[in-house]
Amino acid sequence: MLISPLRKILAAAGALAVIGFAWFALQYFPPGGSGREVLITVQPGDSMAVIAGELHHSGVIASAFAFRVDSLLEGAPLVRPGAYELAQGASFPSIRSILNGGPNVPQVDVVPGLTLREIALAIANDVGNPFASSFLADADQAATTSAYRPQGSLDGLIGPGRYLITPDETPAQLLAAMRQSFTREATTVGLTPTSTAQGLDAYQLVTAASIVEKEGYYAKNMPNVARVIYNRLARAMPLQMDSTVLYALGLDGGTVTHSMLRTRTPYNTYLNVGLTPTPICVVSPQALDAVLHPPAGSWLYFVLVKKDGTMAFSTTYAEQLAQEAIAAKAGL
């Protein structure tokens, strides 16, 4: 009497095992072959469960559970952060091979403070000099049609962000994405090509914001740095900003020497009164907002006084010298 039920249980278990194996095999080697290519982005710290979920959401795999089981059986791929192009409906072995190989889609991180030339250098490192050269040529051409009427350069009119360079993307398309990013960023803080504020037109506001970006560095400093710039412009005082001198020399950071300060360029704000001819870097929303909405204040000077980025702002030169002494004691 016990044999028949036991046989039924064993038969059912066997049938389930066959069905389960067949289901897993269909996940492992999907029928119909691979489909269109899609992009997934792996963030630092993403677990295999998160990655499997992204693969499933993008249609690369039909079951995140099956892929996690496969990873347990065959070993999880060592996935580095970055962008990956994979085919929908790909087999598990091909997915593991791609993920183990590292990101296969170049990406360029454009952060506030970078110049157009620095962006082009990053592009060259990722996809080669011909692409980067075309990118710069397209940027020169775009500068002639921008609504902001730039002075021969798109510096400052590129939006920060992470840009993926897919195999079929052209330099012109990449540049267009960066320009669109700036437009979105500017619109968010209320800047348009027809904006005016503090006696400056829109392009001059971007120029001022780029100097604020380099000199303030931290968002907490930017509003007061903007006020210093406006106060100096109102008094027809040279801005005396080191970052502008360095920009003309193709440098970013470091000690500004007396020889550099004496170098005559349109960007030397020690020798020239007023803003620089063009922006000197990519700007952040915080820098744009700072020049659009500067606080009230009579400051004419500032200096870094703490290693956490804190700056001191002064109205008189005597106050500035006192703050510089504090900075020197702090090793800054």
C-alpha atoms as a PDB file:
ATOM      1  CA  MET A   1       0.000   0.000   0.000  1.00  0.00           C
ATOM      2  CA  LEU A   2       2.984   2.376   0.602  1.00  0.00           C
ATOM      3  CA  ILE A   3       4.731   1.593  -2.658  1.00  0.00           C
ATOM      4  CA  SER A   4       2.242   3.289  -4.957  1.00  0.00           C
ATOM      5  CA  PRO A   5       2.175   6.681  -3.156  1.00  0.00           C
ATOM      6  CA  LEU A   6       5.978   6.669  -2.907  1.00  0.00           C
ATOM      7  CA  ARG A   7       6.273   6.000  -6.606  1.00  0.00           C
ATOM      8  CA  LYS A   8       3.892   8.852  -7.304  1.00  0.00           C
ATOM      9  CA  ILE A   9       5.965  11.215  -5.165  1.00  0.00           C
ATOM     10  CA  LEU A  10       9.189  10.137  -6.822  1.00  0.00           C
ATOM     11  CA  ALA A  11       7.625  10.412 -10.267  1.00  0.00           C
ATOM     12  CA  ALA A  12       6.337  13.902  -9.463  1.00  0.00           C
ATOM     13  CA  ALA A  13       9.702  14.950  -8.092  1.00  0.00           C
ATOM     14  CA  GLY A  14      11.397  13.586 -11.186  1.00  0.00           C
ATOM     15  CA  ALA A  15       8.993  15.422 -13.450  1.00  0.00           C
ATOM     16  CA  LEU A  16       9.596  18.660 -11.540  1.00  0.00           C
ATOM     17  CA  ALA A  17      13.323  18.159 -11.793  1.00  0.00           C
ATOM     18  CA  VAL A  18      13.074  17.652 -15.555  1.00  0.00           C
ATOM     19  CA  ILE A  19      10.850  20.715 -15.904  1.00  0.00           C
ATOM     20  CA  GLY A  20      13.184  22.761 -13.700  1.00  0.00           C
ATOM     21  CA  PHE A  21      16.233  21.652 -15.664  1.00  0.00           C
ATOM     22  CA  ALA A  22      14.513  22.418 -18.950  1.00  0.00           C
ATOM     23  CA  TRP A  23      13.441  25.846 -17.673  1.00  0.00           C
ATOM     24  CA  PHE A  24      16.956  26.627 -16.472  1.00  0.00           C
ATOM     25  CA  ALA A  25      18.443  25.455 -19.772  1.00  0.00           C
ATOM     26  CA  LEU A  26      16.152  27.839 -21.631  1.00  0.00           C
ATOM     27  CA  GLN A  27      17.384  30.678 -19.432  1.00  0.00           C
ATOM     28  CA  TYR A  28      21.010  29.587 -19.836  1.00  0.00           C
ATOM     29  CA  PHE A  29      20.794  29.336 -23.635  1.00  0.00           C
ATOM     30  CA  PRO A  30      17.711  31.339 -24.689  1.00  0.00           C
ATOM     31  CA  PRO A  31      16.126  30.135 -27.930  1.00  0.00           C
ATOM     32  CA  GLY A  32      16.031  32.488 -30.873  1.00  0.00           C
ATOM     33  CA  GLY A  33      19.490  33.970 -30.434  1.00  0.00           C
ATOM     34  CA  SER A  34      20.505  37.408 -29.274  1.00  0.00           C
ATOM     35  CA  GLY A  35      18.457  40.543 -29.873  1.00  0.00           C
ATOM     36  CA  ARG A  36      19.252  44.247 -29.949  1.00  0.00           C
ATOM     37  CA  GLU A  37      22.058  45.758 -27.929  1.00  0.00           C
ATOM     38  CA  VAL A  38      21.188  47.596 -24.707  1.00  0.00           C
ATOM     39  CA  LEU A  39      23.201  49.476 -22.115  1.00  0.00           C
ATOM     40  CA  ILE A  40      23.369  48.792 -18.413  1.00  0.00           C
ATOM     41  CA  THR A  41      25.360  50.768 -15.883  1.00  0.00           C
ATOM     42  CA  VAL A  42      26.946  49.157 -12.837  1.00  0.00           C
ATOM     43  CA  GLN A  43      27.430  51.508  -9.916  1.00  0.00           C
ATOM     44  CA  PRO A  44      30.176  51.095  -7.306  1.00  0.00           C
ATOM     45  CA  GLY A  45      28.994  48.702  -4.620  1.00  0.00           C
ATOM     46  CA  ASP A  46      26.238  47.087  -6.696  1.00  0.00           C
ATOM     47  CA  SER A  47      25.553  43.519  -5.539  1.00  0.00           C
ATOM     48  CA  MET A  48      25.019  40.622  -7.926  1.00  0.00           C
ATOM     49  CA  ALA A  49      21.323  40.758  -7.042  1.00  0.00           C
ATOM     50  CA  VAL A  50      21.186  44.395  -8.169  1.00  0.00           C
ATOM     51  CA  ILE A  51      23.123  43.639 -11.355  1.00  0.00           C
ATOM     52  CA  ALA A  52      20.891  40.653 -12.146  1.00  0.00           C
ATOM     53  CA  GLY A  53      17.846  42.854 -11.606  1.00  0.00           C
ATOM     54  CA  GLU A  54      19.215  45.441 -14.035  1.00  0.00           C
ATOM     55  CA  LEU A  55      19.967  42.721 -16.605  1.00  0.00           C
ATOM     56  CA  HIS A  56      16.399  41.472 -16.274  1.00  0.00           C
ATOM     57  CA  HIS A  57      14.898  44.968 -16.445  1.00  0.00           C
ATOM     58  CA  SER A  58      16.873  45.668 -19.649  1.00  0.00           C
ATOM     59  CA  GLY A  59      15.745  42.426 -21.273  1.00  0.00           C
ATOM     60  CA  VAL A  60      19.212  40.866 -21.352  1.00  0.00           C
ATOM     61  CA  ILE A  61      17.972  37.927 -19.268  1.00  0.00           C
ATOM     62  CA  ALA A  62      14.482  36.580 -18.705  1.00  0.00           C
ATOM     63  CA  SER A  63      15.039  35.593 -15.072  1.00  0.00           C
ATOM     64  CA  ALA A  64      17.177  37.355 -12.492  1.00  0.00           C
ATOM     65  CA  PHE A  65      16.730  34.338 -10.211  1.00  0.00           C
ATOM     66  CA  ALA A  66      18.172  31.948 -12.801  1.00  0.00           C
ATOM     67  CA  PHE A  67      21.193  34.190 -13.350  1.00  0.00           C
ATOM     68  CA  ARG A  68      21.838  34.373  -9.603  1.00  0.00           C
ATOM     69  CA  VAL A  69      21.602  30.587  -9.378  1.00  0.00           C
ATOM     70  CA  ASP A  70      24.046  30.290 -12.259  1.00  0.00           C
ATOM     71  CA  SER A  71      26.396  32.695 -10.478  1.00  0.00           C
ATOM     72  CA  LEU A  72      26.280  30.516  -7.392  1.00  0.00           C
ATOM     73  CA  LEU A  73      26.977  27.364  -9.407  1.00  0.00           C
ATOM     74  CA  GLU A  74      29.687  28.704 -11.727  1.00  0.00           C
ATOM     75  CA  GLY A  75      30.996  31.644  -9.738  1.00  0.00           C
ATOM     76  CA  ALA A  76      29.844  35.227  -9.921  1.00  0.00           C
ATOM     77  CA  PRO A  77      31.596  37.410 -12.508  1.00  0.00           C
ATOM     78  CA  LEU A  78      33.928  40.077 -11.144  1.00  0.00           C
ATOM     79  CA  VAL A  79      32.002  43.108 -12.325  1.00  0.00           C
ATOM     80  CA  ARG A  80      33.689  46.504 -12.289  1.00  0.00           C
ATOM     81  CA  PRO A  81      31.653  49.718 -12.173  1.00  0.00           C
ATOM     82  CA  GLY A  82      30.913  51.247 -15.538  1.00  0.00           C
ATOM     83  CA  ALA A  83      28.744  50.898 -18.630  1.00  0.00           C
ATOM     84  CA  TYR A  84      28.222  47.632 -20.480  1.00  0.00           C
ATOM     85  CA  GLU A  85      26.625  46.945 -23.827  1.00  0.00           C
ATOM     86  CA  LEU A  86      24.933  43.551 -23.954  1.00  0.00           C
ATOM     87  CA  ALA A  87      22.473  41.870 -26.262  1.00  0.00           C
ATOM     88  CA  GLN A  88      18.942  41.125 -25.168  1.00  0.00           C
ATOM     89  CA  GLY A  89      18.397  37.400 -24.904  1.00  0.00           C
ATOM     90  CA  ALA A  90      22.114  36.683 -24.563  1.00  0.00           C
ATOM     91  CA  SER A  91      23.325  33.377 -23.116  1.00  0.00           C
ATOM     92  CA  PHE A  92      24.648  33.288 -19.580  1.00  0.00           C
ATOM     93  CA  PRO A  93      28.205  32.365 -20.718  1.00  0.00           C
ATOM     94  CA  SER A  94      28.350  35.360 -23.067  1.00  0.00           C
ATOM     95  CA  ILE A  95      27.011  37.677 -20.350  1.00  0.00           C
ATOM     96  CA  ARG A  96      29.600  36.422 -17.865  1.00  0.00           C
ATOM     97  CA  SER A  97      32.357  36.891 -20.439  1.00  0.00           C
ATOM     98  CA  ILE A  98      31.373  40.506 -21.099  1.00  0.00           C
ATOM     99  CA  LEU A  99      30.947  41.373 -17.431  1.00  0.00           C
ATOM    100  CA  ASN A 100      34.256  39.765 -16.513  1.00  0.00           C
ATOM    101  CA  GLY A 101      35.972  41.777 -19.240  1.00  0.00           C
ATOM    102  CA  GLY A 102      35.094  45.111 -17.656  1.00  0.00           C
ATOM    103  CA  PRO A 103      33.077  48.045 -18.994  1.00  0.00           C
ATOM    104  CA  ASN A 104      32.918  47.920 -22.784  1.00  0.00           C
ATOM    105  CA  VAL A 105      31.297  51.320 -23.378  1.00  0.00           C
ATOM    106  CA  PRO A 106      33.606  54.329 -22.993  1.00  0.00           C
ATOM    107  CA  GLN A 107      32.277  57.080 -20.775  1.00  0.00           C
ATOM    108  CA  VAL A 108      33.458  60.605 -20.166  1.00  0.00           C
ATOM    109  CA  ASP A 109      32.865  62.242 -16.810  1.00  0.00           C
ATOM    110  CA  VAL A 110      32.518  65.985 -17.248  1.00  0.00           C
ATOM    111  CA  VAL A 111      32.800  67.641 -13.853  1.00  0.00           C
ATOM    112  CA  PRO A 112      32.641  71.348 -12.992  1.00  0.00           C
ATOM    113  CA  GLY A 113      36.048  72.964 -13.303  1.00  0.00           C
ATOM    114  CA  LEU A 114      37.161  71.135 -16.450  1.00  0.00           C
ATOM    115  CA  THR A 115      38.058  72.995 -19.618  1.00  0.00           C
ATOM    116  CA  LEU A 116      36.955  71.975 -23.090  1.00  0.00           C
ATOM    117  CA  ARG A 117      40.535  70.890 -23.871  1.00  0.00           C
ATOM    118  CA  GLU A 118      40.627  68.694 -20.766  1.00  0.00           C
ATOM    119  CA  ILE A 119      37.338  67.105 -21.829  1.00  0.00           C
ATOM    120  CA  ALA A 120      38.776  66.444 -25.294  1.00  0.00           C
ATOM    121  CA  LEU A 121      41.842  64.842 -23.715  1.00  0.00           C
ATOM    122  CA  ALA A 122      39.623  62.497 -21.709  1.00  0.00           C
ATOM    123  CA  ILE A 123      37.734  61.619 -24.892  1.00  0.00           C
ATOM    124  CA  ALA A 124      41.021  60.920 -26.697  1.00  0.00           C
ATOM    125  CA  ASN A 125      42.097  58.577 -23.912  1.00  0.00           C
ATOM    126  CA  ASP A 126      38.840  56.647 -24.240  1.00  0.00           C
ATOM    127  CA  VAL A 127      38.149  56.531 -27.969  1.00  0.00           C
ATOM    128  CA  GLY A 128      41.199  57.954 -29.691  1.00  0.00           C
ATOM    129  CA  ASN A 129      42.586  61.175 -31.098  1.00  0.00           C
ATOM    130  CA  PRO A 130      40.539  61.304 -34.347  1.00  0.00           C
ATOM    131  CA  PHE A 131      37.260  61.318 -32.417  1.00  0.00           C
ATOM    132  CA  ALA A 132      38.573  63.938 -29.982  1.00  0.00           C
ATOM    133  CA  SER A 133      39.865  66.150 -32.791  1.00  0.00           C
ATOM    134  CA  SER A 134      36.502  66.034 -34.538  1.00  0.00           C
ATOM    135  CA  PHE A 135      34.832  66.842 -31.218  1.00  0.00           C
ATOM    136  CA  LEU A 136      36.945  70.002 -30.859  1.00  0.00           C
ATOM    137  CA  ALA A 137      36.313  70.986 -34.486  1.00  0.00           C
ATOM    138  CA  ASP A 138      32.577  70.568 -33.952  1.00  0.00           C
ATOM    139  CA  ALA A 139      32.838  72.663 -30.781  1.00  0.00           C
ATOM    140  CA  ASP A 140      34.533  75.473 -32.706  1.00  0.00           C
ATOM    141  CA  GLN A 141      31.764  75.395 -35.295  1.00  0.00           C
ATOM    142  CA  ALA A 142      29.023  75.278 -32.647  1.00  0.00           C
ATOM    143  CA  ALA A 143      30.478  78.359 -30.966  1.00  0.00           C
ATOM    144  CA  THR A 144      29.506  80.385 -34.036  1.00  0.00           C
ATOM    145  CA  THR A 145      25.814  79.505 -33.674  1.00  0.00           C
ATOM    146  CA  SER A 146      25.282  79.408 -29.892  1.00  0.00           C
ATOM    147  CA  ALA A 147      22.511  81.638 -28.574  1.00  0.00           C
ATOM    148  CA  TYR A 148      24.893  82.788 -25.850  1.00  0.00           C
ATOM    149  CA  ARG A 149      27.110  84.404 -28.530  1.00  0.00           C
ATOM    150  CA  PRO A 150      30.373  83.042 -27.119  1.00  0.00           C
ATOM    151  CA  GLN A 151      33.679  84.637 -28.025  1.00  0.00           C
ATOM    152  CA  GLY A 152      35.008  81.800 -30.160  1.00  0.00           C
ATOM    153  CA  SER A 153      34.933  79.104 -27.467  1.00  0.00           C
ATOM    154  CA  LEU A 154      32.338  76.744 -25.998  1.00  0.00           C
ATOM    155  CA  ASP A 155      34.125  76.705 -22.649  1.00  0.00           C
ATOM    156  CA  GLY A 156      31.532  77.224 -19.958  1.00  0.00           C
ATOM    157  CA  LEU A 157      28.659  76.170 -22.226  1.00  0.00           C
ATOM    158  CA  ILE A 158      29.148  72.429 -21.686  1.00  0.00           C
ATOM    159  CA  GLY A 159      27.010  70.778 -19.028  1.00  0.00           C
ATOM    160  CA  PRO A 160      28.490  68.522 -16.360  1.00  0.00           C
ATOM    161  CA  GLY A 161      27.503  64.874 -16.363  1.00  0.00           C
ATOM    162  CA  ARG A 162      28.515  61.344 -17.346  1.00  0.00           C
ATOM    163  CA  TYR A 163      28.387  60.762 -21.090  1.00  0.00           C
ATOM    164  CA  LEU A 164      28.489  57.319 -22.691  1.00  0.00           C
ATOM    165  CA  ILE A 165      30.138  57.043 -26.096  1.00  0.00           C
ATOM    166  CA  THR A 166      28.308  54.239 -27.852  1.00  0.00           C
ATOM    167  CA  PRO A 167      29.807  52.633 -30.977  1.00  0.00           C
ATOM    168  CA  ASP A 168      27.466  54.478 -33.355  1.00  0.00           C
ATOM    169  CA  GLU A 169      27.718  57.897 -31.696  1.00  0.00           C
ATOM    170  CA  THR A 170      29.424  60.717 -33.567  1.00  0.00           C
ATOM    171  CA  PRO A 171      31.491  63.543 -32.043  1.00  0.00           C
ATOM    172  CA  ALA A 172      28.748  65.978 -33.069  1.00  0.00           C
ATOM    173  CA  GLN A 173      26.133  63.936 -31.227  1.00  0.00           C
ATOM    174  CA  LEU A 174      28.269  63.786 -28.099  1.00  0.00           C
ATOM    175  CA  LEU A 175      28.783  67.547 -28.219  1.00  0.00           C
ATOM    176  CA  ALA A 176      25.051  68.098 -28.712  1.00  0.00           C
ATOM    177  CA  ALA A 177      24.318  66.037 -25.601  1.00  0.00           C
ATOM    178  CA  MET A 178      26.767  68.135 -23.590  1.00  0.00           C
ATOM    179  CA  ARG A 179      25.239  71.383 -24.845  1.00  0.00           C
ATOM    180  CA  GLN A 180      21.750  70.139 -24.037  1.00  0.00           C
ATOM    181  CA  SER A 181      22.938  69.283 -20.547  1.00  0.00           C
ATOM    182  CA  PHE A 182      24.095  72.870 -20.062  1.00  0.00           C
ATOM    183  CA  THR A 183      20.763  74.207 -21.312  1.00  0.00           C
ATOM    184  CA  ARG A 184      18.903  72.051 -18.785  1.00  0.00           C
ATOM    185  CA  GLU A 185      21.240  73.090 -15.996  1.00  0.00           C
ATOM    186  CA  ALA A 186      20.957  76.788 -16.857  1.00  0.00           C
ATOM    187  CA  THR A 187      17.177  76.621 -17.142  1.00  0.00           C
ATOM    188  CA  THR A 188      16.969  75.012 -13.720  1.00  0.00           C
ATOM    189  CA  VAL A 189      18.629  78.019 -12.057  1.00  0.00           C
ATOM    190  CA  GLY A 190      16.817  80.563 -14.217  1.00  0.00           C
ATOM    191  CA  LEU A 191      19.481  81.438 -16.781  1.00  0.00           C
ATOM    192  CA  THR A 192      18.592  81.889 -20.445  1.00  0.00           C
ATOM    193  CA  PRO A 193      20.493  83.474 -23.347  1.00  0.00           C
ATOM    194  CA  THR A 194      18.569  86.721 -22.737  1.00  0.00           C
ATOM    195  CA  SER A 195      19.156  86.878 -18.980  1.00  0.00           C
ATOM    196  CA  THR A 196      20.832  89.879 -17.377  1.00  0.00           C
ATOM    197  CA  ALA A 197      21.887  90.413 -13.779  1.00  0.00           C
ATOM    198  CA  GLN A 198      24.208  92.727 -11.906  1.00  0.00           C
ATOM    199  CA  GLY A 199      24.847  94.618 -15.131  1.00  0.00           C
ATOM    200  CA  LEU A 200      26.064  91.515 -16.983  1.00  0.00           C
ATOM    201  CA  ASP A 201      24.547  89.715 -19.966  1.00  0.00           C
ATOM    202  CA  ALA A 202      24.023  85.958 -20.035  1.00  0.00           C
ATOM    203  CA  TYR A 203      27.446  85.087 -21.471  1.00  0.00           C
ATOM    204  CA  GLN A 204      29.187  87.339 -18.969  1.00  0.00           C
ATOM    205  CA  LEU A 205      27.212  85.686 -16.184  1.00  0.00           C
ATOM    206  CA  VAL A 206      28.510  82.285 -17.317  1.00  0.00           C
ATOM    207  CA  THR A 207      32.014  83.751 -17.450  1.00  0.00           C
ATOM    208  CA  ALA A 208      31.678  85.067 -13.901  1.00  0.00           C
ATOM    209  CA  ALA A 209      30.275  81.706 -12.777  1.00  0.00           C
ATOM    210  CA  SER A 210      33.281  79.888 -14.238  1.00  0.00           C
ATOM    211  CA  ILE A 211      35.632  82.060 -12.175  1.00  0.00           C
ATOM    212  CA  VAL A 212      33.446  81.465  -9.116  1.00  0.00           C
ATOM    213  CA  GLU A 213      33.678  77.723  -9.840  1.00  0.00           C
ATOM    214  CA  LYS A 214      37.473  77.695  -9.877  1.00  0.00           C
ATOM    215  CA  GLU A 215      38.037  80.166  -7.062  1.00  0.00           C
ATOM    216  CA  GLY A 216      35.263  79.108  -4.666  1.00  0.00           C
ATOM    217  CA  TYR A 217      35.678  75.376  -5.345  1.00  0.00           C
ATOM    218  CA  TYR A 218      33.208  74.400  -2.614  1.00  0.00           C
ATOM    219  CA  ALA A 219      29.550  75.363  -2.955  1.00  0.00           C
ATOM    220  CA  LYS A 220      29.583  77.043   0.464  1.00  0.00           C
ATOM    221  CA  ASN A 221      32.139  79.587  -0.765  1.00  0.00           C
ATOM    222  CA  MET A 222      30.602  80.407  -4.121  1.00  0.00           C
ATOM    223  CA  PRO A 223      27.986  83.034  -3.197  1.00  0.00           C
ATOM    224  CA  ASN A 224      30.529  85.192  -1.350  1.00  0.00           C
ATOM    225  CA  VAL A 225      33.104  84.786  -4.124  1.00  0.00           C
ATOM    226  CA  ALA A 226      30.466  85.992  -6.573  1.00  0.00           C
ATOM    227  CA  ARG A 227      29.896  89.041  -4.402  1.00  0.00           C
ATOM    228  CA  VAL A 228      33.647  89.776  -4.347  1.00  0.00           C
ATOM    229  CA  ILE A 229      33.714  89.658  -8.157  1.00  0.00           C
ATOM    230  CA  TYR A 230      30.775  92.036  -8.438  1.00  0.00           C
ATOM    231  CA  ASN A 231      32.245  94.435  -5.895  1.00  0.00           C
ATOM    232  CA  ARG A 232      35.553  94.547  -7.730  1.00  0.00           C
ATOM    233  CA  LEU A 233      33.863  95.034 -11.094  1.00  0.00           C
ATOM    234  CA  ALA A 234      31.815  97.902  -9.646  1.00  0.00           C
ATOM    235  CA  ARG A 235      34.991  99.614  -8.443  1.00  0.00           C
ATOM    236  CA  ALA A 236      36.861  98.940 -11.688  1.00  0.00           C
ATOM    237  CA  MET A 237      39.409  96.934  -9.689  1.00  0.00           C
ATOM    238  CA  PRO A 238      41.319  94.041 -11.288  1.00  0.00           C
ATOM    239  CA  LEU A 239      39.744  90.760 -10.219  1.00  0.00           C
ATOM    240  CA  GLN A 240      43.185  89.309  -9.420  1.00  0.00           C
ATOM    241  CA  MET A 241      42.072  85.687  -9.707  1.00  0.00           C
ATOM    242  CA  ASP A 242      44.849  83.107 -10.016  1.00  0.00           C
ATOM    243  CA  SER A 243      42.657  80.641 -11.902  1.00  0.00           C
ATOM    244  CA  THR A 244      42.348  82.999 -14.856  1.00  0.00           C
ATOM    245  CA  VAL A 245      46.121  83.354 -15.136  1.00  0.00           C
ATOM    246  CA  LEU A 246      46.528  79.576 -15.056  1.00  0.00           C
ATOM    247  CA  TYR A 247      43.818  79.057 -17.689  1.00  0.00           C
ATOM    248  CA  ALA A 248      45.712  81.131 -20.244  1.00  0.00           C
ATOM    249  CA  LEU A 249      48.826  79.057 -19.589  1.00  0.00           C
ATOM    250  CA  GLY A 250      46.988  75.757 -19.978  1.00  0.00           C
ATOM    251  CA  LEU A 251      47.426  74.930 -16.294  1.00  0.00           C
ATOM    252  CA  ASP A 252      44.999  73.840 -13.615  1.00  0.00           C
ATOM    253  CA  GLY A 253      45.961  74.537 -10.012  1.00  0.00           C
ATOM    254  CA  GLY A 254      49.377  74.806  -8.489  1.00  0.00           C
ATOM    255  CA  THR A 255      51.443  77.767  -7.392  1.00  0.00           C
ATOM    256  CA  VAL A 256      51.104  80.969  -9.387  1.00  0.00           C
ATOM    257  CA  THR A 257      54.558  82.507  -9.723  1.00  0.00           C
ATOM    258  CA  HIS A 258      55.501  86.170 -10.097  1.00  0.00           C
ATOM    259  CA  SER A 259      56.538  85.413 -13.662  1.00  0.00           C
ATOM    260  CA  MET A 260      53.067  84.051 -14.417  1.00  0.00           C
ATOM    261  CA  LEU A 261      51.439  87.134 -12.928  1.00  0.00           C
ATOM    262  CA  ARG A 262      53.492  89.317 -15.263  1.00  0.00           C
ATOM    263  CA  THR A 263      52.573  87.294 -18.367  1.00  0.00           C
ATOM    264  CA  ARG A 264      50.378  89.435 -20.570  1.00  0.00           C
ATOM    265  CA  THR A 265      47.315  87.581 -21.810  1.00  0.00           C
ATOM    266  CA  PRO A 266      43.661  88.649 -22.090  1.00  0.00           C
ATOM    267  CA  TYR A 267      42.986  86.274 -19.183  1.00  0.00           C
ATOM    268  CA  ASN A 268      45.435  87.814 -16.726  1.00  0.00           C
ATOM    269  CA  THR A 269      43.059  89.500 -14.292  1.00  0.00           C
ATOM    270  CA  TYR A 270      45.981  91.012 -12.417  1.00  0.00           C
ATOM    271  CA  LEU A 271      46.937  93.086 -15.453  1.00  0.00           C
ATOM    272  CA  ASN A 272      43.481  93.566 -16.984  1.00  0.00           C
ATOM    273  CA  VAL A 273      40.336  95.052 -15.476  1.00  0.00           C
ATOM    274  CA  GLY A 274      37.037  93.236 -15.959  1.00  0.00           C
ATOM    275  CA  LEU A 275      36.019  89.692 -16.723  1.00  0.00           C
ATOM    276  CA  THR A 276      37.986  87.294 -18.897  1.00  0.00           C
ATOM    277  CA  PRO A 277      37.035  87.162 -22.606  1.00  0.00           C
ATOM    278  CA  THR A 278      35.446  83.714 -22.185  1.00  0.00           C
ATOM    279  CA  PRO A 279      34.469  81.356 -19.378  1.00  0.00           C
ATOM    280  CA  ILE A 280      37.388  79.329 -18.090  1.00  0.00           C
ATOM    281  CA  CYS A 281      35.697  76.023 -17.229  1.00  0.00           C
ATOM    282  CA  VAL A 282      32.546  73.942 -16.938  1.00  0.00           C
ATOM    283  CA  VAL A 283      30.259  75.467 -14.331  1.00  0.00           C
ATOM    284  CA  SER A 284      28.066  73.856 -11.690  1.00  0.00           C
ATOM    285  CA  PRO A 285      24.465  74.842 -10.909  1.00  0.00           C
ATOM    286  CA  GLN A 286      25.749  76.200  -7.608  1.00  0.00           C
ATOM    287  CA  ALA A 287      28.165  78.575  -9.360  1.00  0.00           C
ATOM    288  CA  LEU A 288      25.473  79.775 -11.757  1.00  0.00           C
ATOM    289  CA  ASP A 289      23.053  80.313  -8.897  1.00  0.00           C
ATOM    290  CA  ALA A 290      25.730  82.231  -6.966  1.00  0.00           C
ATOM    291  CA  VAL A 291      26.199  84.797  -9.729  1.00  0.00           C
ATOM    292  CA  LEU A 292      22.455  85.121 -10.266  1.00  0.00           C
ATOM    293  CA  HIS A 293      21.683  85.545  -6.564  1.00  0.00           C
ATOM    294  CA  PRO A 294      24.766  86.869  -4.751  1.00  0.00           C
ATOM    295  CA  PRO A 295      24.433  87.848  -1.089  1.00  0.00           C
ATOM    296  CA  ALA A 296      24.807  91.387   0.110  1.00  0.00           C
ATOM    297  CA  GLY A 297      28.307  92.240   1.329  1.00  0.00           C
ATOM    298  CA  SER A 298      31.203  94.616   0.956  1.00  0.00           C
ATOM    299  CA  TRP A 299      33.962  92.011   0.603  1.00  0.00           C
ATOM    300  CA  LEU A 300      36.820  92.621  -1.802  1.00  0.00           C
ATOM    301  CA  TYR A 301      39.180  89.827  -0.756  1.00  0.00           C
ATOM    302  CA  PHE A 302      39.132  86.177   0.254  1.00  0.00           C
ATOM    303  CA  VAL A 303      41.615  83.509   1.234  1.00  0.00           C
ATOM    304  CA  LEU A 304      41.497  79.837   2.173  1.00  0.00           C
ATOM    305  CA  VAL A 305      41.983  79.586   5.954  1.00  0.00           C
ATOM    306  CA  LYS A 306      41.094  75.964   6.763  1.00  0.00           C
ATOM    307  CA  LYS A 307      41.942  72.668   5.139  1.00  0.00           C
ATOM    308  CA  ASP A 308      38.241  71.785   5.006  1.00  0.00           C
ATOM    309  CA  GLY A 309      37.793  74.451   2.327  1.00  0.00           C
ATOM    310  CA  THR A 310      36.630  77.279   4.562  1.00  0.00           C
ATOM    311  CA  MET A 311      37.410  80.728   3.203  1.00  0.00           C
ATOM    312  CA  ALA A 312      37.611  84.055   5.011  1.00  0.00           C
ATOM    313  CA  PHE A 313      36.205  87.142   3.289  1.00  0.00           C
ATOM    314  CA  SER A 314      37.481  90.651   4.006  1.00  0.00           C
ATOM    315  CA  THR A 315      36.516  94.189   3.119  1.00  0.00           C
ATOM    316  CA  THR A 316      39.887  95.863   3.689  1.00  0.00           C
ATOM    317  CA  TYR A 317      43.365  94.888   2.630  1.00  0.00           C
ATOM    318  CA  ALA A 318      44.485  94.995   6.272  1.00  0.00           C
ATOM    319  CA  GLU A 319      41.850  92.396   7.130  1.00  0.00           C
ATOM    320  CA  GLN A 320      42.999  90.301   4.196  1.00  0.00           C
ATOM    321  CA  LEU A 321      46.616  90.388   5.391  1.00  0.00           C
ATOM    322  CA  ALA A 322      45.499  89.248   8.836  1.00  0.00           C
ATOM    323  CA  GLN A 323      43.576  86.322   7.304  1.00  0.00           C
ATOM    324  CA  GLU A 324      46.552  85.437   5.113  1.00  0.00           C
ATOM    325  CA  ALA A 325      48.682  85.207   8.273  1.00  0.00           C
ATOM    326  CA  ILE A 326      46.133  82.781   9.745  1.00  0.00           C
ATOM    327  CA  ALA A 327      46.236  80.760   6.547  1.00  0.00           C
ATOM    328  CA  ALA A 328      50.046  80.657   6.627  1.00  0.00           C
ATOM    329  CA  LYS A 329      49.990  79.303  10.200  1.00  0.00           C
ATOM    330  CA  ALA A 330      47.603  76.602   9.052  1.00  0.00           C
ATOM    331  CA  GLY A 331      50.037  75.626   6.325  1.00  0.00           C
ATOM    332  CA  LEU A 332      47.801  76.852   3.506  1.00  0.00           C
END
